Amino acid sequence: MDTTSPWLDDEEQDVWQALLTVAIGLPAALDRQLRKDAGISNFEYGVLAQLSMSDEETMRLSDLARECDSTQPRLSKVMDRFEARDWVVRRLDPTDGRYTLATLTATGRQKLAACAPEHVAQVKRLVFDPLTTAQRRHLGTALTRVAATVRQELDKNA
């Protein structure tokens, strides 16, 4: 491969275009399904899910923002909406008052549980059903490597 060329070769271009379709189209398709079925966005679902998977369903907002690939202001607006709906409660971190904790409430857990079946079915339809078991493993390996490189770049420039 010619590493001096600024252009992608044909194979790289094909992979890049497919990745762009997935990177842009998949969140849009998931967002459309969640808005229609549950009245929330894909990002909001991700925030609820991340909290549900954390110890005691509680996270520092700064950690939650990082795990959800969000900015603090965007997450703060979501937290305002979630608190108004009684899906989360926020409080100062008792171990370090510089941080704010978010905790998923029982109502938030119920919302997530109500959203999950259709959302998971959509993820399976769009991502996993078209692939063989071997293709899933290969995709997982490849995406893990790309994600690690992207995260390193993001952390470097943070």
N, C-alpha and C. Protein backbone atom coordinates (compact mmCIF):
# COMPACT_ATOMS: atom_id res chain seq x y z
N MET A 1 0.84 -1.19 0.00
CA MET A 1 0.00 0.00 0.00
C MET A 1 0.88 1.24 0.00
N ASP A 2 0.51 2.22 -0.77
CA ASP A 2 1.25 3.47 -0.88
C ASP A 2 0.87 4.37 0.29
N THR A 3 1.76 4.52 1.26
CA THR A 3 1.46 5.33 2.44
C THR A 3 1.67 6.81 2.20
N THR A 4 2.23 7.19 1.05
CA THR A 4 2.44 8.61 0.77
C THR A 4 1.23 9.27 0.13
N SER A 5 0.31 8.47 -0.42
CA SER A 5 -0.88 9.01 -1.06
C SER A 5 -1.84 9.56 -0.02
N PRO A 6 -2.39 10.76 -0.25
CA PRO A 6 -3.37 11.30 0.70
C PRO A 6 -4.75 10.69 0.52
N TRP A 7 -4.92 9.85 -0.49
CA TRP A 7 -6.24 9.32 -0.82
C TRP A 7 -6.40 7.90 -0.31
N LEU A 8 -7.62 7.51 -0.07
CA LEU A 8 -7.93 6.13 0.28
C LEU A 8 -7.93 5.30 -0.99
N ASP A 9 -7.45 4.06 -0.89
CA ASP A 9 -7.56 3.18 -2.06
C ASP A 9 -9.01 2.71 -2.15
N ASP A 10 -9.34 1.96 -3.20
CA ASP A 10 -10.74 1.58 -3.43
C ASP A 10 -11.32 0.76 -2.28
N GLU A 11 -10.55 -0.17 -1.76
CA GLU A 11 -11.04 -1.00 -0.64
C GLU A 11 -11.25 -0.14 0.61
N GLU A 12 -10.30 0.72 0.91
CA GLU A 12 -10.44 1.62 2.06
C GLU A 12 -11.66 2.53 1.90
N GLN A 13 -11.86 3.03 0.69
CA GLN A 13 -13.00 3.91 0.42
C GLN A 13 -14.32 3.18 0.66
N ASP A 14 -14.40 1.93 0.20
CA ASP A 14 -15.61 1.15 0.40
C ASP A 14 -15.89 0.93 1.89
N VAL A 15 -14.84 0.56 2.64
CA VAL A 15 -14.99 0.34 4.08
C VAL A 15 -15.37 1.65 4.77
N TRP A 16 -14.70 2.74 4.39
CA TRP A 16 -14.98 4.04 4.99
C TRP A 16 -16.43 4.45 4.75
N GLN A 17 -16.92 4.29 3.54
CA GLN A 17 -18.30 4.68 3.23
C GLN A 17 -19.30 3.81 4.01
N ALA A 18 -19.01 2.52 4.13
CA ALA A 18 -19.88 1.64 4.92
C ALA A 18 -19.87 2.06 6.39
N LEU A 19 -18.69 2.39 6.91
CA LEU A 19 -18.58 2.83 8.30
C LEU A 19 -19.34 4.14 8.52
N LEU A 20 -19.24 5.08 7.58
CA LEU A 20 -19.99 6.32 7.70
C LEU A 20 -21.50 6.07 7.72
N THR A 21 -21.96 5.16 6.88
CA THR A 21 -23.38 4.82 6.86
C THR A 21 -23.81 4.28 8.22
N VAL A 22 -23.00 3.40 8.80
CA VAL A 22 -23.32 2.84 10.11
C VAL A 22 -23.22 3.91 11.19
N ALA A 23 -22.13 4.70 11.17
CA ALA A 23 -21.91 5.71 12.21
C ALA A 23 -22.99 6.78 12.21
N ILE A 24 -23.51 7.12 11.06
CA ILE A 24 -24.53 8.16 10.96
C ILE A 24 -25.93 7.55 10.95
N GLY A 25 -26.11 6.52 10.18
CA GLY A 25 -27.45 5.95 10.00
C GLY A 25 -27.95 5.12 11.16
N LEU A 26 -27.07 4.37 11.81
CA LEU A 26 -27.51 3.52 12.92
C LEU A 26 -28.07 4.34 14.08
N PRO A 27 -27.35 5.36 14.56
CA PRO A 27 -27.95 6.17 15.63
C PRO A 27 -29.28 6.82 15.21
N ALA A 28 -29.36 7.25 13.96
CA ALA A 28 -30.60 7.86 13.48
C ALA A 28 -31.75 6.85 13.49
N ALA A 29 -31.48 5.62 13.05
CA ALA A 29 -32.52 4.59 13.04
C ALA A 29 -32.94 4.21 14.46
N LEU A 30 -31.97 4.11 15.37
CA LEU A 30 -32.29 3.80 16.76
C LEU A 30 -33.05 4.95 17.41
N ASP A 31 -32.64 6.16 17.10
CA ASP A 31 -33.31 7.34 17.62
C ASP A 31 -34.77 7.37 17.17
N ARG A 32 -35.00 7.11 15.90
CA ARG A 32 -36.36 7.12 15.34
C ARG A 32 -37.24 6.08 16.05
N GLN A 33 -36.69 4.88 16.24
CA GLN A 33 -37.46 3.81 16.91
C GLN A 33 -37.78 4.19 18.35
N LEU A 34 -36.79 4.70 19.09
CA LEU A 34 -37.01 5.05 20.49
C LEU A 34 -37.97 6.22 20.65
N ARG A 35 -37.86 7.21 19.78
CA ARG A 35 -38.78 8.36 19.86
C ARG A 35 -40.21 7.91 19.59
N LYS A 36 -40.38 7.04 18.60
CA LYS A 36 -41.72 6.56 18.24
C LYS A 36 -42.30 5.68 19.35
N ASP A 37 -41.50 4.74 19.85
CA ASP A 37 -42.02 3.75 20.81
C ASP A 37 -41.96 4.21 22.26
N ALA A 38 -41.02 5.11 22.61
CA ALA A 38 -40.81 5.41 24.02
C ALA A 38 -40.75 6.91 24.34
N GLY A 39 -40.71 7.75 23.31
CA GLY A 39 -40.68 9.18 23.55
C GLY A 39 -39.35 9.71 24.07
N ILE A 40 -38.28 8.94 23.88
CA ILE A 40 -36.94 9.39 24.28
C ILE A 40 -35.98 9.19 23.12
N SER A 41 -34.83 9.85 23.22
CA SER A 41 -33.82 9.71 22.17
C SER A 41 -32.89 8.54 22.47
N ASN A 42 -32.15 8.15 21.47
CA ASN A 42 -31.14 7.10 21.63
C ASN A 42 -30.11 7.52 22.68
N PHE A 43 -29.72 8.79 22.67
CA PHE A 43 -28.78 9.28 23.67
C PHE A 43 -29.36 9.15 25.08
N GLU A 44 -30.63 9.55 25.24
CA GLU A 44 -31.27 9.45 26.55
C GLU A 44 -31.35 8.01 27.02
N TYR A 45 -31.67 7.10 26.11
CA TYR A 45 -31.70 5.68 26.45
C TYR A 45 -30.31 5.24 26.93
N GLY A 46 -29.27 5.68 26.22
CA GLY A 46 -27.91 5.32 26.59
C GLY A 46 -27.54 5.81 27.98
N VAL A 47 -28.00 7.00 28.34
CA VAL A 47 -27.73 7.55 29.68
C VAL A 47 -28.42 6.69 30.73
N LEU A 48 -29.69 6.37 30.52
CA LEU A 48 -30.41 5.52 31.46
C LEU A 48 -29.74 4.15 31.59
N ALA A 49 -29.36 3.58 30.45
CA ALA A 49 -28.73 2.26 30.46
C ALA A 49 -27.38 2.30 31.20
N GLN A 50 -26.59 3.33 30.95
CA GLN A 50 -25.29 3.44 31.61
C GLN A 50 -25.47 3.53 33.12
N LEU A 51 -26.42 4.33 33.57
CA LEU A 51 -26.68 4.41 35.01
C LEU A 51 -27.13 3.07 35.56
N SER A 52 -27.96 2.37 34.82
CA SER A 52 -28.48 1.08 35.30
C SER A 52 -27.38 0.03 35.45
N MET A 53 -26.31 0.17 34.69
CA MET A 53 -25.22 -0.81 34.73
C MET A 53 -24.12 -0.44 35.72
N SER A 54 -24.23 0.72 36.35
CA SER A 54 -23.19 1.16 37.28
C SER A 54 -23.49 0.67 38.69
N ASP A 55 -22.46 0.68 39.53
CA ASP A 55 -22.62 0.28 40.92
C ASP A 55 -23.68 1.15 41.58
N GLU A 56 -24.63 0.53 42.24
CA GLU A 56 -25.70 1.23 42.93
C GLU A 56 -26.47 2.19 42.02
N GLU A 57 -26.39 1.94 40.72
CA GLU A 57 -27.08 2.76 39.71
C GLU A 57 -26.78 4.25 39.88
N THR A 58 -25.53 4.53 40.26
CA THR A 58 -25.08 5.90 40.55
C THR A 58 -23.74 6.15 39.89
N MET A 59 -23.59 7.34 39.31
CA MET A 59 -22.32 7.73 38.70
C MET A 59 -22.09 9.22 38.90
N ARG A 60 -20.82 9.59 38.93
CA ARG A 60 -20.48 11.01 38.84
C ARG A 60 -20.87 11.48 37.46
N LEU A 61 -21.40 12.70 37.37
CA LEU A 61 -21.82 13.22 36.08
C LEU A 61 -20.66 13.30 35.10
N SER A 62 -19.47 13.65 35.58
CA SER A 62 -18.32 13.73 34.68
C SER A 62 -17.99 12.36 34.09
N ASP A 63 -18.08 11.30 34.90
CA ASP A 63 -17.84 9.95 34.40
C ASP A 63 -18.95 9.50 33.46
N LEU A 64 -20.18 9.85 33.81
CA LEU A 64 -21.32 9.49 32.96
C LEU A 64 -21.20 10.17 31.60
N ALA A 65 -20.81 11.43 31.59
CA ALA A 65 -20.63 12.15 30.32
C ALA A 65 -19.57 11.45 29.46
N ARG A 66 -18.47 11.08 30.09
CA ARG A 66 -17.39 10.41 29.35
C ARG A 66 -17.87 9.06 28.80
N GLU A 67 -18.56 8.29 29.62
CA GLU A 67 -19.03 6.97 29.19
C GLU A 67 -20.08 7.06 28.08
N CYS A 68 -20.81 8.16 28.06
CA CYS A 68 -21.85 8.36 27.04
C CYS A 68 -21.35 9.20 25.87
N ASP A 69 -20.03 9.47 25.84
CA ASP A 69 -19.45 10.29 24.78
C ASP A 69 -20.21 11.61 24.64
N SER A 70 -20.41 12.27 25.77
CA SER A 70 -21.19 13.51 25.81
C SER A 70 -20.37 14.64 26.41
N THR A 71 -20.84 15.85 26.13
CA THR A 71 -20.29 17.00 26.83
C THR A 71 -21.05 17.16 28.14
N GLN A 72 -20.44 17.86 29.08
CA GLN A 72 -21.11 18.12 30.35
C GLN A 72 -22.40 18.94 30.15
N PRO A 73 -22.38 20.01 29.32
CA PRO A 73 -23.63 20.78 29.14
C PRO A 73 -24.77 19.95 28.54
N ARG A 74 -24.47 19.10 27.57
CA ARG A 74 -25.52 18.27 26.97
C ARG A 74 -26.10 17.33 28.02
N LEU A 75 -25.23 16.69 28.80
CA LEU A 75 -25.70 15.77 29.82
C LEU A 75 -26.49 16.51 30.90
N SER A 76 -26.06 17.70 31.24
CA SER A 76 -26.76 18.48 32.25
C SER A 76 -28.20 18.77 31.83
N LYS A 77 -28.41 19.09 30.56
CA LYS A 77 -29.77 19.33 30.06
C LYS A 77 -30.63 18.07 30.14
N VAL A 78 -30.01 16.93 29.82
CA VAL A 78 -30.74 15.66 29.93
C VAL A 78 -31.07 15.37 31.39
N MET A 79 -30.12 15.63 32.28
CA MET A 79 -30.36 15.41 33.71
C MET A 79 -31.51 16.29 34.21
N ASP A 80 -31.60 17.53 33.72
CA ASP A 80 -32.71 18.41 34.10
C ASP A 80 -34.05 17.76 33.71
N ARG A 81 -34.13 17.25 32.48
CA ARG A 81 -35.37 16.60 32.01
C ARG A 81 -35.65 15.33 32.82
N PHE A 82 -34.60 14.55 33.08
CA PHE A 82 -34.77 13.31 33.83
C PHE A 82 -35.24 13.58 35.26
N GLU A 83 -34.68 14.60 35.89
CA GLU A 83 -35.12 14.93 37.25
C GLU A 83 -36.58 15.38 37.25
N ALA A 84 -36.97 16.15 36.26
CA ALA A 84 -38.36 16.62 36.17
C ALA A 84 -39.33 15.44 36.01
N ARG A 85 -38.85 14.36 35.40
CA ARG A 85 -39.69 13.17 35.20
C ARG A 85 -39.51 12.15 36.33
N ASP A 86 -38.66 12.47 37.31
CA ASP A 86 -38.35 11.58 38.43
C ASP A 86 -37.65 10.30 37.96
N TRP A 87 -36.80 10.43 36.94
CA TRP A 87 -36.03 9.28 36.48
C TRP A 87 -34.67 9.21 37.14
N VAL A 88 -34.16 10.35 37.59
CA VAL A 88 -32.88 10.41 38.31
C VAL A 88 -32.99 11.42 39.44
N VAL A 89 -32.09 11.28 40.40
CA VAL A 89 -31.87 12.32 41.40
C VAL A 89 -30.39 12.67 41.36
N ARG A 90 -30.12 13.95 41.57
CA ARG A 90 -28.73 14.42 41.63
C ARG A 90 -28.43 14.90 43.04
N ARG A 91 -27.18 14.68 43.45
CA ARG A 91 -26.74 15.17 44.75
C ARG A 91 -25.23 15.32 44.71
N LEU A 92 -24.71 16.11 45.63
CA LEU A 92 -23.26 16.25 45.71
C LEU A 92 -22.64 14.92 46.13
N ASP A 93 -21.47 14.64 45.60
CA ASP A 93 -20.72 13.45 45.98
C ASP A 93 -20.23 13.63 47.42
N PRO A 94 -20.66 12.77 48.35
CA PRO A 94 -20.26 12.95 49.74
C PRO A 94 -18.76 12.74 49.98
N THR A 95 -18.09 12.06 49.06
CA THR A 95 -16.65 11.84 49.21
C THR A 95 -15.83 12.97 48.61
N ASP A 96 -16.44 13.76 47.73
CA ASP A 96 -15.75 14.89 47.11
C ASP A 96 -16.80 15.85 46.56
N GLY A 97 -17.05 16.90 47.30
CA GLY A 97 -18.11 17.85 46.97
C GLY A 97 -17.92 18.59 45.66
N ARG A 98 -16.78 18.40 45.00
CA ARG A 98 -16.59 19.04 43.68
C ARG A 98 -17.39 18.32 42.60
N TYR A 99 -17.87 17.12 42.90
CA TYR A 99 -18.56 16.31 41.91
C TYR A 99 -20.04 16.17 42.27
N THR A 100 -20.84 15.94 41.24
CA THR A 100 -22.26 15.68 41.41
C THR A 100 -22.53 14.24 40.98
N LEU A 101 -23.33 13.55 41.77
CA LEU A 101 -23.73 12.18 41.46
C LEU A 101 -25.13 12.17 40.87
N ALA A 102 -25.37 11.25 39.97
CA ALA A 102 -26.72 10.99 39.45
C ALA A 102 -27.06 9.56 39.81
N THR A 103 -28.27 9.36 40.32
CA THR A 103 -28.74 8.03 40.68
C THR A 103 -30.05 7.76 39.97
N LEU A 104 -30.14 6.60 39.36
CA LEU A 104 -31.37 6.17 38.69
C LEU A 104 -32.43 5.87 39.74
N THR A 105 -33.63 6.37 39.55
CA THR A 105 -34.73 6.12 40.48
C THR A 105 -35.51 4.88 40.02
N ALA A 106 -36.43 4.44 40.85
CA ALA A 106 -37.30 3.32 40.47
C ALA A 106 -38.10 3.67 39.23
N THR A 107 -38.55 4.91 39.12
CA THR A 107 -39.30 5.35 37.94
C THR A 107 -38.41 5.31 36.70
N GLY A 108 -37.15 5.72 36.85
CA GLY A 108 -36.20 5.66 35.75
C GLY A 108 -35.92 4.23 35.32
N ARG A 109 -35.82 3.34 36.30
CA ARG A 109 -35.61 1.92 36.01
C ARG A 109 -36.80 1.36 35.24
N GLN A 110 -38.01 1.75 35.65
CA GLN A 110 -39.22 1.30 34.95
C GLN A 110 -39.25 1.80 33.52
N LYS A 111 -38.85 3.05 33.31
CA LYS A 111 -38.82 3.62 31.95
C LYS A 111 -37.86 2.83 31.08
N LEU A 112 -36.67 2.56 31.62
CA LEU A 112 -35.67 1.80 30.87
C LEU A 112 -36.20 0.40 30.55
N ALA A 113 -36.79 -0.25 31.52
CA ALA A 113 -37.32 -1.60 31.31
C ALA A 113 -38.43 -1.61 30.26
N ALA A 114 -39.23 -0.55 30.22
CA ALA A 114 -40.29 -0.47 29.22
C ALA A 114 -39.73 -0.24 27.81
N CYS A 115 -38.63 0.49 27.73
CA CYS A 115 -38.01 0.81 26.43
C CYS A 115 -37.18 -0.33 25.86
N ALA A 116 -36.58 -1.11 26.74
CA ALA A 116 -35.55 -2.06 26.34
C ALA A 116 -35.99 -3.11 25.32
N PRO A 117 -37.11 -3.77 25.47
CA PRO A 117 -37.42 -4.86 24.53
C PRO A 117 -37.41 -4.44 23.06
N GLU A 118 -38.11 -3.36 22.71
CA GLU A 118 -38.14 -2.92 21.31
C GLU A 118 -36.79 -2.39 20.87
N HIS A 119 -36.10 -1.69 21.76
CA HIS A 119 -34.78 -1.16 21.41
C HIS A 119 -33.80 -2.30 21.13
N VAL A 120 -33.76 -3.28 22.01
CA VAL A 120 -32.85 -4.41 21.83
C VAL A 120 -33.22 -5.18 20.55
N ALA A 121 -34.50 -5.34 20.30
CA ALA A 121 -34.92 -6.01 19.06
C ALA A 121 -34.45 -5.25 17.84
N GLN A 122 -34.51 -3.92 17.88
CA GLN A 122 -34.05 -3.10 16.76
C GLN A 122 -32.54 -3.23 16.59
N VAL A 123 -31.79 -3.20 17.67
CA VAL A 123 -30.33 -3.38 17.60
C VAL A 123 -30.01 -4.73 16.98
N LYS A 124 -30.69 -5.77 17.41
CA LYS A 124 -30.45 -7.11 16.85
C LYS A 124 -30.77 -7.14 15.36
N ARG A 125 -31.92 -6.55 14.98
CA ARG A 125 -32.30 -6.54 13.56
C ARG A 125 -31.28 -5.82 12.70
N LEU A 126 -30.81 -4.67 13.18
CA LEU A 126 -29.93 -3.84 12.36
C LEU A 126 -28.47 -4.25 12.39
N VAL A 127 -28.01 -4.78 13.51
CA VAL A 127 -26.58 -5.03 13.68
C VAL A 127 -26.22 -6.51 13.68
N PHE A 128 -26.92 -7.31 14.44
CA PHE A 128 -26.48 -8.68 14.64
C PHE A 128 -27.12 -9.69 13.70
N ASP A 129 -28.39 -9.54 13.38
CA ASP A 129 -29.07 -10.50 12.52
C ASP A 129 -28.43 -10.65 11.13
N PRO A 130 -27.92 -9.58 10.52
CA PRO A 130 -27.32 -9.75 9.19
C PRO A 130 -25.98 -10.50 9.19
N LEU A 131 -25.42 -10.78 10.36
CA LEU A 131 -24.07 -11.35 10.46
C LEU A 131 -24.08 -12.78 10.95
N THR A 132 -23.09 -13.53 10.48
CA THR A 132 -22.86 -14.86 11.03
C THR A 132 -22.15 -14.71 12.37
N THR A 133 -22.06 -15.79 13.12
CA THR A 133 -21.35 -15.76 14.40
C THR A 133 -19.90 -15.34 14.20
N ALA A 134 -19.25 -15.87 13.18
CA ALA A 134 -17.85 -15.51 12.91
C ALA A 134 -17.73 -14.03 12.54
N GLN A 135 -18.66 -13.54 11.74
CA GLN A 135 -18.63 -12.12 11.36
C GLN A 135 -18.84 -11.22 12.59
N ARG A 136 -19.68 -11.64 13.49
CA ARG A 136 -19.88 -10.87 14.73
C ARG A 136 -18.58 -10.77 15.52
N ARG A 137 -17.89 -11.90 15.65
CA ARG A 137 -16.61 -11.91 16.38
C ARG A 137 -15.60 -11.00 15.71
N HIS A 138 -15.49 -11.10 14.39
CA HIS A 138 -14.53 -10.27 13.64
C HIS A 138 -14.89 -8.79 13.76
N LEU A 139 -16.17 -8.49 13.64
CA LEU A 139 -16.61 -7.10 13.78
C LEU A 139 -16.28 -6.58 15.18
N GLY A 140 -16.53 -7.39 16.18
CA GLY A 140 -16.22 -6.99 17.55
C GLY A 140 -14.74 -6.70 17.75
N THR A 141 -13.91 -7.56 17.21
CA THR A 141 -12.46 -7.37 17.32
C THR A 141 -12.03 -6.09 16.60
N ALA A 142 -12.52 -5.91 15.38
CA ALA A 142 -12.13 -4.75 14.60
C ALA A 142 -12.63 -3.45 15.25
N LEU A 143 -13.87 -3.41 15.67
CA LEU A 143 -14.42 -2.19 16.26
C LEU A 143 -13.75 -1.87 17.60
N THR A 144 -13.39 -2.88 18.36
CA THR A 144 -12.69 -2.65 19.62
C THR A 144 -11.36 -1.95 19.38
N ARG A 145 -10.65 -2.39 18.35
CA ARG A 145 -9.36 -1.77 18.02
C ARG A 145 -9.53 -0.33 17.53
N VAL A 146 -10.51 -0.13 16.66
CA VAL A 146 -10.75 1.23 16.15
C VAL A 146 -11.21 2.14 17.29
N ALA A 147 -12.11 1.64 18.13
CA ALA A 147 -12.61 2.45 19.25
C ALA A 147 -11.48 2.83 20.20
N ALA A 148 -10.55 1.92 20.46
CA ALA A 148 -9.43 2.23 21.34
C ALA A 148 -8.56 3.34 20.75
N THR A 149 -8.32 3.30 19.46
CA THR A 149 -7.53 4.33 18.80
C THR A 149 -8.26 5.67 18.84
N VAL A 150 -9.56 5.65 18.59
CA VAL A 150 -10.34 6.89 18.62
C VAL A 150 -10.35 7.47 20.04
N ARG A 151 -10.55 6.61 21.04
CA ARG A 151 -10.56 7.10 22.43
C ARG A 151 -9.22 7.71 22.82
N GLN A 152 -8.13 7.09 22.37
CA GLN A 152 -6.79 7.64 22.65
C GLN A 152 -6.67 9.04 22.06
N GLU A 153 -7.15 9.19 20.85
CA GLU A 153 -7.08 10.51 20.19
C GLU A 153 -7.93 11.53 20.94
N LEU A 154 -9.11 11.12 21.34
CA LEU A 154 -9.99 12.03 22.08
C LEU A 154 -9.39 12.39 23.44
N ASP A 155 -8.83 11.43 24.14
CA ASP A 155 -8.22 11.68 25.44
C ASP A 155 -7.01 12.60 25.31
N LYS A 156 -6.26 12.41 24.23
CA LYS A 156 -5.05 13.21 23.98
C LYS A 156 -5.41 14.69 23.78
N ASN A 157 -6.54 14.94 23.17
CA ASN A 157 -6.95 16.30 22.85
C ASN A 157 -7.96 16.89 23.84
N ALA A 158 -8.20 16.16 24.92
CA ALA A 158 -9.20 16.64 25.91
C ALA A 158 -8.64 17.74 26.79
